[in-house]
Amino acid sequence: MNIKQVQKFAASYLESTQCHFIEKSPSSITVKLSSDADRALSNRPYYWSYVDRTGVEPETMTYRWSFASPSIEDRATKSPISYVMTESGRIIQEDVYFGSRRLQQLFEVVSQAGQCVTLFEEPPRGRPGPLGSLPYTAWLGVNFKVGYECDMKREELYNWGISLATGVINDNFMDTLKDRKLTPRLPSNVHLLRNGLSLRKGMTQLESALERKLKNADFTWAVEAEGRRQDELERIRHYYRPMLEHMEHPDQREQKEALTARFQQREAEIDWQYRPRVSVSVLNCGIFHLPGID
C-alpha cells in the first residue's frame, strides 16, 4: 500500500464509525474519535468499563495521524507517538504508514467488524415512484477457505452465496457483488421478500454443496503424501527398533523407556507433518439484500 491508499483506508474507517474530523490535509488527519472507534483503538478497557457502569458521558480521544512514511533511521530512533496540548485538550500524534502498529490495528479491527455484515444494494435508477416498491431477496454470502495440508500446503478460496428465498446457490457470488453499490441502510421504496430458508439451513446447504465439490477433487497429492509418510515412518523404525531390541538388560530399563518415548514422539511428529488432511474454515460472511426474486 502506498501513502495515499493508507490515508484513504484510515479515513474510510473513521467515516464509517462516525468520528468527527477536526482538520484534513493532503498528508494528515486530525479527528476526535466516536465512542465505537475509541473502544476499538484507544486500549482503555478500564475507562470504558467505568463509563458502562456509571453511565457518564464518555470523553473520547483526539488523534492526529500523519501519512508520511518515516525513514529507517527515524523509525529506529523516533518515538511513534507524541503529544500536543491545545485549548481543547490533548492531541495524540502518530505516523501511520504501511507496516506501522496503528495501521495493523486498523486492519485487525476492520477484519473483526467485517466478519459478518448486512448490506442492501442501492436501487437502480428509474425505480417505482413513492407508491411503488421493489422486491429484494436476501442472500447468504460466505467466503470459505479450504486448506489441503500435508508436508506441503495449498489453500483455495470459495466465495459462494445462497438465496434464502429459493435455495439457489451461486458459486461465484463475490463476482456478482463486486460491481454493485451496497449500503448498510435499507433503501426507500423497497420491500424484503420472506425467507424460505433460515440462516442455519442456508449455511448447512452451502457446506453440503462445498463438501460434494471437494469429494470430487483430485486427491493424487494425498496419495503421494501418504506414501511419503509411510517412507518416513519406516525410516525412523529402522533407526530406533534395533537399538530398542538390544536394550534387554535390566540396568537399561530407564534408557529403554526414554528411547521408546522419543521414538513415539518422532512417530507422532511425522504423522502430523505428513498425514494428508483437508481443512475448511469461514473467513467472513454476510446477508446481502439484492433486487429481484431469485
Protein backbone atom coordinates (compact mmCIF):
# COMPACT_ATOMS: atom_id res chain seq x y z
CA MET A 1 0.00 0.00 0.00
CA ASN A 2 1.26 3.46 -0.82
CA ILE A 3 0.69 6.53 1.37
CA LYS A 4 -2.48 7.62 -0.46
CA GLN A 5 -4.02 4.18 -0.11
CA VAL A 6 -3.19 4.10 3.60
CA GLN A 7 -4.78 7.51 4.12
CA LYS A 8 -7.88 6.55 2.14
CA PHE A 9 -8.27 3.35 4.16
CA ALA A 10 -7.88 5.14 7.51
CA ALA A 11 -10.28 7.95 6.52
CA SER A 12 -12.83 5.41 5.33
CA TYR A 13 -12.74 3.64 8.70
CA LEU A 14 -13.10 6.91 10.61
CA GLU A 15 -16.04 7.99 8.47
CA SER A 16 -17.78 4.63 8.83
CA THR A 17 -17.55 4.86 12.63
CA GLN A 18 -18.96 8.44 12.68
CA CYS A 19 -15.79 10.10 14.00
CA HIS A 20 -15.61 13.92 14.00
CA PHE A 21 -12.98 15.31 11.63
CA ILE A 22 -11.37 18.43 13.04
CA GLU A 23 -8.88 19.01 10.26
CA LYS A 24 -7.94 17.36 6.97
CA SER A 25 -4.90 17.99 4.83
CA PRO A 26 -3.21 16.10 1.98
CA SER A 27 -0.81 14.50 4.46
CA SER A 28 -2.65 14.31 7.80
CA ILE A 29 -5.98 13.95 9.57
CA THR A 30 -6.97 15.34 12.97
CA VAL A 31 -10.02 13.54 14.32
CA LYS A 32 -11.99 13.14 17.53
CA LEU A 33 -12.96 9.50 17.82
CA SER A 34 -16.51 8.30 18.19
CA SER A 35 -17.32 6.02 21.11
CA ASP A 36 -17.15 2.92 18.91
CA ALA A 37 -13.80 3.88 17.42
CA ASP A 38 -12.37 4.83 20.83
CA ARG A 39 -13.35 1.47 22.29
CA ALA A 40 -11.63 -0.27 19.37
CA LEU A 41 -8.47 1.84 19.11
CA SER A 42 -7.56 3.55 22.39
CA ASN A 43 -6.88 0.45 24.51
CA ARG A 44 -8.76 1.84 27.55
CA PRO A 45 -10.83 -1.12 28.81
CA TYR A 46 -10.92 0.14 32.40
CA TYR A 47 -12.13 3.59 31.35
CA TRP A 48 -14.89 2.12 29.21
CA SER A 49 -15.94 -0.31 31.92
CA TYR A 50 -16.25 2.74 34.24
CA VAL A 51 -18.37 4.54 31.63
CA ASP A 52 -20.59 1.49 31.22
CA ARG A 53 -21.05 1.11 34.98
CA THR A 54 -21.77 4.74 35.79
CA GLY A 55 -23.43 5.92 32.59
CA VAL A 56 -21.36 9.12 32.44
CA GLU A 57 -20.82 10.90 29.13
CA PRO A 58 -17.60 9.49 27.65
CA GLU A 59 -14.70 11.71 26.70
CA THR A 60 -13.13 10.22 23.59
CA MET A 61 -9.55 10.76 22.45
CA THR A 62 -8.29 13.02 19.67
CA TYR A 63 -5.64 11.85 17.20
CA ARG A 64 -3.57 13.50 14.51
CA TRP A 65 -2.43 10.88 12.04
CA SER A 66 0.35 11.86 9.63
CA PHE A 67 0.59 9.83 6.46
CA ALA A 68 4.24 10.21 5.56
CA SER A 69 6.47 7.18 5.73
CA PRO A 70 9.43 7.96 8.03
CA SER A 71 12.97 6.97 7.15
CA ILE A 72 14.53 3.83 8.59
CA GLU A 73 16.65 5.99 10.93
CA ASP A 74 13.56 7.82 12.23
CA ARG A 75 11.75 4.54 12.82
CA ALA A 76 14.66 3.31 14.91
CA THR A 77 15.18 6.46 16.99
CA LYS A 78 11.91 8.42 16.97
CA SER A 79 9.02 7.52 19.26
CA PRO A 80 5.97 6.52 17.19
CA ILE A 81 3.69 8.59 19.47
CA SER A 82 3.94 12.20 20.64
CA TYR A 83 1.53 14.57 22.36
CA VAL A 84 0.41 18.15 21.79
CA MET A 85 -1.59 20.15 24.31
CA THR A 86 -4.18 22.53 22.85
CA GLU A 87 -7.00 24.62 24.28
CA SER A 88 -9.45 21.84 23.52
CA GLY A 89 -7.28 19.15 25.13
CA ARG A 90 -4.53 16.70 24.33
CA ILE A 91 -3.90 15.53 20.78
CA ILE A 92 -2.01 12.29 20.20
CA GLN A 93 0.22 12.43 17.13
CA GLU A 94 1.21 9.33 15.17
CA ASP A 95 2.79 8.42 11.85
CA VAL A 96 0.55 5.95 10.06
CA TYR A 97 2.17 4.05 7.20
CA PHE A 98 2.25 0.55 5.79
CA GLY A 99 3.84 -1.60 8.49
CA SER A 100 3.02 0.72 11.39
CA ARG A 101 1.36 -0.62 14.53
CA ARG A 102 -1.62 1.69 14.13
CA LEU A 103 -2.35 0.54 10.58
CA GLN A 104 -2.02 -3.09 11.66
CA GLN A 105 -4.51 -2.39 14.45
CA LEU A 106 -6.91 -0.85 11.93
CA PHE A 107 -6.62 -3.94 9.73
CA GLU A 108 -7.45 -6.19 12.70
CA VAL A 109 -10.38 -4.04 13.86
CA VAL A 110 -11.89 -3.87 10.37
CA SER A 111 -11.39 -7.61 9.88
CA GLN A 112 -13.18 -8.41 13.15
CA ALA A 113 -16.00 -5.96 12.50
CA GLY A 114 -16.43 -7.16 8.92
CA GLN A 115 -16.68 -10.88 9.62
CA CYS A 116 -20.46 -10.68 9.32
CA VAL A 117 -22.26 -7.79 7.62
CA THR A 118 -25.76 -6.89 6.44
CA LEU A 119 -25.91 -4.83 3.25
CA PHE A 120 -28.50 -3.68 0.70
CA GLU A 121 -27.98 -2.90 -2.96
CA GLU A 122 -28.88 0.64 -3.89
CA PRO A 123 -31.96 0.56 -6.17
CA PRO A 124 -31.36 1.20 -9.87
CA ARG A 125 -32.36 4.48 -11.43
CA GLY A 126 -35.90 4.68 -12.69
CA ARG A 127 -37.27 2.77 -9.74
CA PRO A 128 -41.00 2.91 -8.94
CA GLY A 129 -42.50 6.10 -7.56
CA PRO A 130 -43.41 6.75 -3.92
CA LEU A 131 -46.30 4.29 -4.11
CA GLY A 132 -44.30 1.54 -5.82
CA SER A 133 -41.86 -0.88 -4.25
CA LEU A 134 -39.07 -3.16 -5.45
CA PRO A 135 -38.83 -6.75 -4.18
CA TYR A 136 -35.47 -7.66 -2.62
CA THR A 137 -34.19 -11.18 -1.97
CA ALA A 138 -31.83 -11.97 0.91
CA TRP A 139 -28.66 -13.89 0.04
CA LEU A 140 -26.29 -15.51 2.49
CA GLY A 141 -22.77 -14.94 1.15
CA VAL A 142 -19.84 -16.87 2.64
CA ASN A 143 -16.11 -16.86 1.92
CA PHE A 144 -14.72 -20.33 2.63
CA LYS A 145 -11.00 -21.09 2.90
CA VAL A 146 -10.07 -24.68 2.05
CA GLY A 147 -6.63 -25.90 3.07
CA TYR A 148 -5.01 -29.00 1.55
CA GLU A 149 -2.37 -29.88 4.12
CA CYS A 150 0.44 -32.40 4.48
CA ASP A 151 4.19 -31.68 4.49
CA MET A 152 3.19 -29.04 1.95
CA LYS A 153 0.18 -26.73 2.00
CA ARG A 154 -2.15 -25.26 -0.59
CA GLU A 155 -5.16 -23.01 0.02
CA GLU A 156 -8.17 -22.18 -2.11
CA LEU A 157 -10.93 -19.60 -1.60
CA TYR A 158 -14.57 -20.27 -2.44
CA ASN A 159 -16.99 -17.32 -2.42
CA TRP A 160 -20.45 -18.85 -2.51
CA GLY A 161 -23.91 -17.45 -1.92
CA ILE A 162 -27.34 -18.95 -1.43
CA SER A 163 -30.71 -17.32 -1.91
CA LEU A 164 -32.61 -17.55 1.36
CA ALA A 165 -35.85 -17.28 -0.63
CA THR A 166 -35.36 -20.09 -3.16
CA GLY A 167 -32.23 -22.03 -2.15
CA VAL A 168 -30.43 -21.24 -5.43
CA ILE A 169 -26.62 -21.44 -4.95
CA ASN A 170 -24.22 -19.07 -6.74
CA ASP A 171 -20.68 -20.48 -6.66
CA ASN A 172 -19.14 -17.17 -7.75
CA PHE A 173 -21.11 -14.86 -5.52
CA MET A 174 -18.46 -12.20 -4.82
CA ASP A 175 -18.06 -11.53 -8.54
CA THR A 176 -21.81 -10.89 -8.59
CA LEU A 177 -21.37 -8.29 -5.85
CA LYS A 178 -18.21 -6.50 -6.93
CA ASP A 179 -19.86 -4.03 -9.35
CA ARG A 180 -22.91 -3.33 -7.19
CA LYS A 181 -23.33 -0.33 -4.92
CA LEU A 182 -24.10 -1.55 -1.41
CA THR A 183 -25.28 0.32 1.65
CA PRO A 184 -25.86 -0.73 5.27
CA ARG A 185 -29.23 1.08 5.30
CA LEU A 186 -32.48 -0.19 3.87
CA PRO A 187 -33.28 1.95 0.80
CA SER A 188 -36.66 3.57 0.37
CA ASN A 189 -39.28 2.05 -1.95
CA VAL A 190 -38.02 -1.46 -1.25
CA HIS A 191 -39.71 -4.44 0.38
CA LEU A 192 -37.94 -7.59 1.55
CA LEU A 193 -39.26 -10.95 0.42
CA ARG A 194 -39.92 -13.58 3.04
CA ASN A 195 -37.12 -16.08 3.52
CA GLY A 196 -37.84 -19.71 2.76
CA LEU A 197 -34.63 -20.82 4.48
CA SER A 198 -33.25 -19.97 7.90
CA LEU A 199 -29.64 -18.86 8.19
CA ARG A 200 -28.73 -22.20 9.76
CA LYS A 201 -30.42 -24.14 6.92
CA GLY A 202 -28.80 -21.94 4.29
CA MET A 203 -25.36 -22.43 5.83
CA THR A 204 -25.93 -26.20 6.02
CA GLN A 205 -26.80 -26.31 2.31
CA LEU A 206 -23.69 -24.31 1.38
CA GLU A 207 -21.50 -26.61 3.47
CA SER A 208 -23.07 -29.70 1.88
CA ALA A 209 -22.58 -28.32 -1.63
CA LEU A 210 -18.95 -27.47 -0.88
CA GLU A 211 -18.38 -30.92 0.60
CA ARG A 212 -19.73 -32.56 -2.56
CA LYS A 213 -17.41 -30.44 -4.69
CA LEU A 214 -14.38 -31.28 -2.56
CA LYS A 215 -15.13 -35.01 -2.66
CA ASN A 216 -14.85 -34.88 -6.45
CA ALA A 217 -11.45 -33.15 -6.37
CA ASP A 218 -8.18 -34.76 -7.46
CA PHE A 219 -6.56 -36.35 -4.40
CA THR A 220 -3.36 -37.53 -6.05
CA TRP A 221 -1.49 -35.19 -3.71
CA ALA A 222 -2.94 -37.06 -0.69
CA VAL A 223 -1.84 -40.45 -2.03
CA GLU A 224 1.67 -39.11 -2.62
CA ALA A 225 1.75 -37.54 0.86
CA GLU A 226 0.65 -40.81 2.45
CA GLY A 227 3.49 -42.57 0.61
CA ARG A 228 5.99 -40.05 1.99
CA ARG A 229 4.53 -40.52 5.48
CA GLN A 230 4.98 -44.27 5.33
CA ASP A 231 8.53 -43.88 3.99
CA GLU A 232 9.45 -41.55 6.86
CA LEU A 233 7.87 -43.82 9.46
CA GLU A 234 9.71 -46.84 8.07
CA ARG A 235 12.97 -44.89 8.11
CA ILE A 236 12.79 -44.00 11.82
CA ARG A 237 11.59 -47.51 12.69
CA HIS A 238 14.75 -48.90 11.10
CA TYR A 239 16.71 -46.47 13.26
CA TYR A 240 15.03 -46.98 16.65
CA ARG A 241 13.91 -50.62 16.69
CA PRO A 242 17.40 -52.21 16.54
CA MET A 243 18.51 -50.03 19.44
CA LEU A 244 15.45 -50.96 21.48
CA GLU A 245 15.92 -54.67 20.75
CA HIS A 246 19.45 -54.56 22.16
CA MET A 247 18.35 -52.92 25.41
CA GLU A 248 17.34 -56.13 27.19
CA HIS A 249 19.49 -55.77 30.31
CA PRO A 250 17.58 -54.72 33.45
CA ASP A 251 20.05 -51.89 34.03
CA GLN A 252 19.00 -50.37 30.72
CA ARG A 253 15.31 -50.15 31.64
CA GLU A 254 15.24 -46.36 32.15
CA GLN A 255 17.25 -45.77 28.97
CA LYS A 256 14.90 -48.01 27.04
CA GLU A 257 11.82 -46.16 28.37
CA ALA A 258 13.34 -42.81 27.44
CA LEU A 259 14.27 -44.04 23.95
CA THR A 260 10.77 -45.52 23.48
CA ALA A 261 9.21 -42.19 24.43
CA ARG A 262 11.47 -40.36 21.94
CA PHE A 263 10.58 -42.94 19.26
CA GLN A 264 6.86 -42.44 19.85
CA GLN A 265 7.27 -38.67 19.80
CA ARG A 266 9.06 -38.82 16.44
CA GLU A 267 6.32 -41.05 15.05
CA ALA A 268 3.68 -38.56 16.19
CA GLU A 269 5.61 -35.63 14.67
CA ILE A 270 5.96 -37.37 11.31
CA ASP A 271 2.29 -38.37 11.37
CA TRP A 272 1.25 -34.75 12.00
CA GLN A 273 3.63 -33.38 9.36
CA TYR A 274 2.88 -35.79 6.52
CA ARG A 275 -0.66 -37.08 7.08
CA PRO A 276 -2.88 -35.60 4.33
CA ARG A 277 -5.92 -33.67 5.51
CA VAL A 278 -8.41 -31.10 4.26
CA SER A 279 -9.49 -28.20 6.48
CA VAL A 280 -12.37 -25.82 5.83
CA SER A 281 -12.90 -22.50 7.64
CA VAL A 282 -15.12 -19.45 7.16
CA LEU A 283 -13.26 -16.18 6.61
CA ASN A 284 -16.33 -13.94 6.67
CA CYS A 285 -19.97 -13.88 5.68
CA GLY A 286 -22.90 -11.55 5.21
CA ILE A 287 -26.56 -11.10 4.39
CA PHE A 288 -26.93 -9.26 1.07
CA HIS A 289 -30.33 -7.98 0.00
CA LEU A 290 -30.44 -7.77 -3.80
CA PRO A 291 -33.20 -6.75 -6.24
CA GLY A 292 -35.29 -9.48 -7.80
CA ILE A 293 -36.81 -12.81 -6.87
CA ASP A 294 -34.09 -15.47 -7.01
